[in-house]
Protein backbone atom coordinates (compact mmCIF):
# COMPACT_ATOMS: atom_id res chain seq x y z
CA MET A 1 5.76 4.22 28.17
CA SER A 2 7.43 1.92 30.71
CA GLU A 3 5.05 -0.57 32.35
CA LEU A 4 4.02 -3.51 30.18
CA ILE A 5 0.34 -3.28 29.27
CA TRP A 6 -1.87 -5.51 27.13
CA ALA A 7 -5.30 -5.59 25.52
CA ASP A 8 -7.13 -7.89 23.13
CA LEU A 9 -7.61 -5.99 19.89
CA ALA A 10 -10.87 -5.75 17.97
CA ARG A 11 -9.61 -7.75 15.00
CA ASP A 12 -10.82 -10.71 12.96
CA VAL A 13 -8.40 -13.57 12.37
CA VAL A 14 -8.71 -15.52 9.11
CA ILE A 15 -6.93 -18.88 9.01
CA VAL A 16 -5.55 -19.84 5.60
CA GLN A 17 -4.42 -23.46 5.49
CA GLY A 18 -3.37 -26.06 2.94
CA ASP A 19 -0.55 -27.31 0.76
CA ASP A 20 -0.96 -24.33 -1.57
CA ALA A 21 -1.49 -21.68 1.14
CA ALA A 22 1.84 -19.91 0.59
CA THR A 23 1.67 -19.79 -3.20
CA PHE A 24 -2.02 -18.82 -3.14
CA LEU A 25 -1.49 -15.90 -0.76
CA HIS A 26 1.61 -14.82 -2.69
CA SER A 27 -0.50 -14.66 -5.86
CA GLN A 28 -3.25 -12.62 -4.20
CA LEU A 29 -1.54 -10.18 -1.83
CA ALA A 30 0.56 -7.17 -2.80
CA ASN A 31 3.51 -8.14 -0.62
CA ASP A 32 5.96 -11.02 -0.95
CA ILE A 33 4.49 -13.94 0.98
CA SER A 34 6.38 -16.90 -0.45
CA SER A 35 9.66 -15.80 1.17
CA MET A 36 8.15 -15.59 4.67
CA LEU A 37 9.65 -17.94 7.24
CA VAL A 38 7.64 -19.78 9.88
CA GLY A 39 7.23 -17.37 12.80
CA GLU A 40 7.49 -14.27 10.61
CA SER A 41 4.82 -11.60 10.11
CA ARG A 42 4.36 -9.14 7.26
CA HIS A 43 1.86 -6.41 6.40
CA SER A 44 0.19 -6.29 3.00
CA LEU A 45 -2.59 -4.81 0.95
CA LEU A 46 -5.36 -6.99 -0.44
CA LEU A 47 -6.60 -5.29 -3.59
CA GLU A 48 -9.52 -5.67 -5.93
CA PRO A 49 -8.63 -6.43 -9.57
CA THR A 50 -9.26 -2.72 -10.26
CA GLY A 51 -6.41 -1.86 -7.88
CA HIS A 52 -8.61 -0.37 -5.17
CA ILE A 53 -8.09 -1.40 -1.56
CA SER A 54 -10.15 -4.29 -0.26
CA SER A 55 -8.25 -4.64 3.03
CA LEU A 56 -5.05 -3.83 4.90
CA VAL A 57 -3.95 -7.15 6.39
CA ARG A 58 -1.19 -8.60 8.50
CA VAL A 59 0.06 -12.04 7.53
CA VAL A 60 1.57 -14.41 10.10
CA ARG A 61 3.12 -17.72 9.09
CA HIS A 62 2.42 -20.22 11.88
CA ALA A 63 3.60 -23.36 10.05
CA ASP A 64 4.63 -24.41 6.56
CA THR A 65 1.01 -24.70 5.46
CA VAL A 66 -0.77 -22.48 8.03
CA PHE A 67 -1.11 -18.70 7.85
CA THR A 68 -3.35 -16.15 9.53
CA LEU A 69 -4.55 -12.84 8.15
CA ASP A 70 -5.70 -10.44 10.86
CA VAL A 71 -7.83 -7.45 9.95
CA GLU A 72 -10.08 -4.89 11.60
CA ALA A 73 -13.14 -6.38 13.33
CA GLY A 74 -15.90 -7.11 10.85
CA GLY A 75 -13.48 -7.37 7.92
CA GLY A 76 -12.77 -11.08 8.08
CA GLU A 77 -15.68 -12.23 5.95
CA THR A 78 -14.86 -9.57 3.36
CA VAL A 79 -11.33 -10.97 3.09
CA VAL A 80 -12.57 -14.56 2.80
CA THR A 81 -15.14 -13.61 0.15
CA ARG A 82 -12.55 -11.68 -1.90
CA LEU A 83 -9.94 -14.48 -1.73
CA LYS A 84 -12.38 -17.29 -2.51
CA LYS A 85 -13.06 -15.75 -5.93
CA PHE A 86 -9.55 -16.79 -6.98
CA ILE A 87 -9.03 -20.18 -5.30
CA LEU A 88 -9.88 -22.20 -8.42
CA ARG A 89 -8.07 -25.54 -7.94
CA ALA A 90 -5.65 -24.43 -5.22
CA LYS A 91 -5.39 -26.73 -2.20
CA VAL A 92 -6.31 -24.15 0.41
CA THR A 93 -9.11 -23.49 2.91
CA LEU A 94 -10.11 -20.18 4.47
CA LYS A 95 -12.23 -19.43 7.51
CA VAL A 96 -12.83 -16.68 10.04
CA SER A 97 -11.69 -18.15 13.35
CA ASP A 98 -12.13 -17.42 17.06
CA TRP A 99 -8.42 -16.71 17.46
CA VAL A 100 -7.41 -13.55 19.33
CA VAL A 101 -4.92 -10.76 18.69
CA ARG A 102 -3.40 -9.65 21.99
CA ALA A 103 -1.31 -6.47 21.93
CA PHE A 104 1.57 -5.91 24.37
CA ARG A 105 3.11 -2.44 24.75
CA GLY A 106 5.87 -1.21 27.06
CA ASP A 107 9.62 -1.04 27.42
CA ASN A 108 11.18 -4.18 25.86
CA ALA A 109 7.73 -5.68 25.32
CA ALA A 110 8.95 -8.13 22.67
CA ALA A 111 11.67 -9.53 24.94
CA LEU A 112 9.34 -9.74 27.94
CA VAL A 113 6.66 -11.60 26.00
CA GLY A 114 9.30 -13.89 24.58
CA SER A 115 9.40 -16.12 21.54
CA GLY A 116 6.66 -18.48 20.49
CA ALA A 117 4.03 -19.10 17.87
CA GLY A 118 2.01 -16.22 16.48
CA ARG A 119 4.32 -13.33 17.40
CA ALA A 120 3.57 -10.45 15.03
CA ILE A 121 5.05 -7.00 14.41
CA PRO A 122 2.34 -4.37 14.96
CA TYR A 123 3.82 -1.39 13.13
CA TRP A 124 7.42 -0.73 12.07
CA GLY A 125 9.22 -3.19 14.34
CA SER A 126 9.90 -1.41 17.64
CA PRO A 127 11.14 -3.68 20.49
CA ASP A 128 8.51 -2.00 22.70
CA GLU A 129 5.57 -3.37 20.69
CA ILE A 130 4.53 -6.95 19.97
CA ASP A 131 1.26 -8.71 19.18
CA VAL A 132 0.39 -12.38 19.60
CA VAL A 133 -2.09 -14.01 17.23
CA ALA A 134 -3.26 -17.30 18.68
CA GLU A 135 -6.04 -19.33 20.25
CA ARG A 136 -7.07 -17.74 23.54
CA SER A 137 -5.64 -20.64 25.55
CA GLN A 138 -2.20 -20.01 24.00
CA LEU A 139 -1.98 -16.28 24.78
CA PRO A 140 0.73 -15.10 27.19
CA GLU A 141 -0.50 -13.80 30.55
CA ILE A 142 1.94 -11.06 31.45
CA GLY A 143 1.65 -7.35 32.19
CA LYS A 144 -1.29 -5.18 33.17
CA SER A 145 -4.65 -5.18 31.38
CA ALA A 146 -5.33 -1.88 29.60
CA GLU A 147 -8.11 -0.17 27.66
CA LEU A 148 -8.10 -0.44 23.88
CA SER A 149 -7.74 3.33 23.70
CA GLU A 150 -4.33 3.07 25.39
CA ILE A 151 -3.17 0.69 22.69
CA ASP A 152 -4.60 2.81 19.88
CA VAL A 153 -2.61 5.81 21.08
CA THR A 154 0.60 3.84 20.51
CA ARG A 155 -0.56 3.05 16.97
CA VAL A 156 -1.08 6.71 16.13
CA ASP A 157 2.18 7.81 17.73
CA ALA A 158 3.90 5.13 15.62
CA HIS A 159 2.30 6.74 12.52
CA TRP A 160 0.41 3.60 11.51
CA PRO A 161 -2.98 4.02 9.75
CA ARG A 162 -6.08 1.98 10.53
CA LEU A 163 -8.46 0.67 7.90
CA GLY A 164 -11.90 2.20 8.37
CA ALA A 165 -10.49 5.38 9.90
CA ASP A 166 -7.37 6.70 8.17
CA VAL A 167 -7.57 4.39 5.15
CA LEU A 168 -10.90 3.48 3.58
CA VAL A 169 -12.05 0.50 1.58
CA GLY A 170 -12.00 1.62 -2.04
CA ASP A 171 -9.03 3.97 -1.65
CA ILE A 172 -6.21 3.60 -4.14
CA PRO A 173 -3.01 2.08 -2.70
CA ALA A 174 -0.97 5.31 -2.86
CA THR A 175 -3.34 6.79 -0.25
CA VAL A 176 -1.99 4.70 2.61
CA GLY A 177 1.54 6.10 2.80
CA LEU A 178 2.95 2.60 3.49
CA LEU A 179 3.76 1.26 0.04
CA PRO A 180 7.39 0.26 0.76
CA THR A 181 6.13 -1.73 3.75
CA VAL A 182 2.98 -3.35 2.35
CA VAL A 183 3.87 -3.82 -1.33
CA SER A 184 6.64 -5.75 -3.07
CA PHE A 185 7.77 -4.22 -6.36
CA THR A 186 9.85 -7.26 -7.30
CA LYS A 187 7.36 -10.13 -6.90
CA GLY A 188 5.17 -11.60 -9.61
CA CYS A 189 1.68 -10.60 -10.62
CA TYR A 190 -1.25 -10.11 -8.25
CA PRO A 191 -4.72 -8.59 -8.66
CA GLY A 192 -4.53 -4.79 -8.75
CA GLN A 193 -0.81 -4.67 -9.52
CA GLU A 194 -1.23 -2.57 -12.67
CA LEU A 195 -2.51 0.48 -10.81
CA VAL A 196 0.18 0.22 -8.13
CA GLU A 197 3.02 -0.09 -10.63
CA ARG A 198 1.70 2.60 -12.98
CA MET A 199 1.35 5.23 -10.25
CA ASP A 200 4.73 4.36 -8.75
CA SER A 201 6.55 4.53 -12.09
CA ARG A 202 5.00 7.92 -12.84
CA GLY A 203 5.55 9.27 -9.33
CA SER A 204 1.84 9.98 -9.09
CA LEU A 205 0.19 10.97 -5.81
CA ALA A 206 -3.26 9.84 -4.75
CA PRO A 207 -5.91 12.60 -4.59
CA VAL A 208 -5.89 12.09 -0.81
CA VAL A 209 -2.90 10.83 1.19
CA VAL A 210 -2.54 9.84 4.85
CA ARG A 211 0.03 12.01 6.65
CA LYS A 212 1.22 12.53 10.21
CA ILE A 213 0.87 15.93 11.84
CA THR A 214 2.09 17.15 15.21
CA ASN A 215 -0.80 16.89 17.68
CA HIS A 216 -1.92 20.36 18.67
CA GLU A 217 -4.86 19.00 20.70
CA TYR A 218 -6.72 17.87 17.61
CA ALA A 219 -9.85 15.75 17.84
CA VAL A 220 -10.98 13.11 15.37
CA GLY A 221 -13.11 14.84 12.75
CA ASP A 222 -11.36 18.20 12.94
CA THR A 223 -11.07 19.96 9.59
CA LEU A 224 -7.63 21.15 8.53
CA PHE A 225 -7.16 24.43 6.71
CA GLU A 226 -4.41 26.21 4.82
CA GLY A 227 -5.59 29.79 4.84
CA ASP A 228 -9.26 29.57 3.98
CA GLU A 229 -8.94 26.32 2.06
CA ASN A 230 -10.15 23.02 3.52
CA VAL A 231 -7.26 20.61 2.84
CA GLY A 232 -7.86 17.67 5.13
CA LEU A 233 -9.52 15.83 7.99
CA VAL A 234 -8.06 14.47 11.23
CA THR A 235 -8.80 10.74 11.43
CA SER A 236 -6.77 9.45 14.42
CA VAL A 237 -5.24 11.16 17.46
CA GLY A 238 -2.33 10.08 19.67
CA THR A 239 -0.40 11.84 22.40
CA GLN A 240 2.34 13.31 20.17
CA TRP A 241 0.96 12.86 16.69
CA ALA A 242 -2.29 12.78 14.77
CA LEU A 243 -3.06 11.19 11.40
CA ALA A 244 -5.03 12.97 8.72
CA ARG A 245 -6.35 12.45 5.21
CA VAL A 246 -4.85 15.39 3.35
CA SER A 247 -5.20 16.69 -0.19
CA ARG A 248 -2.22 15.90 -2.41
CA ASN A 249 -1.96 19.61 -3.26
CA SER A 250 -1.35 20.49 0.40
CA ALA A 251 2.04 20.78 2.08
CA LEU A 252 0.48 20.00 5.45
CA GLY A 253 1.94 17.14 7.46
CA GLU A 254 4.73 14.64 6.86
CA PRO A 255 4.90 11.22 5.18
CA LEU A 256 4.38 8.20 7.41
CA SER A 257 7.54 6.41 8.51
């Protein structure tokens, strides 16, 4: 990768606003939200009270009382519905907006795009990858327009799973392979915490885990075998790596990182 490319991602953007927005999101999401600074982004799981995954979200703090949660396209209303169950008397409003997530990829992408509102880390924090979550009129116009498939390749090669492909609604949190990045083990209570903490304290693996495997010209949907045993399914393919849902009893693949 060298030339700066961009594409508008197929993601819903939920605006969470109000005097209690920070404390409300902190009480509902698995990651630490209350310590986020304005301009910071953070990935998190949104869980059902049972501990199963409702969504994999990215939180951006745009102002003291304004946050966005961006999720895969079609998932915004699910997030709003799940969060509204717990608003009670909190001073907070939620709505699916018409804001856009524009992805920039290329050498020194973050520096080239520059600072400003809505900058968000896509994966692990590479300087060659930056997203901007904002109203369309506020999006930077720099670089060359690209196909979404070109952006998705960078996601897979960064070993980052996508909800609806690598991670499924209803999975248990240990499936995702991202717990140190999307969960805080030092914050207070949140819905679903019991399952997360119990499995972590016992060192338990999920029945299926997302792992990275070297891409040997796999295609999405390919079955993975160890000997004659079916141990997994390829769910995303990049140029160097592929992601797969693999049985916990298999030694195939490597943890995400």
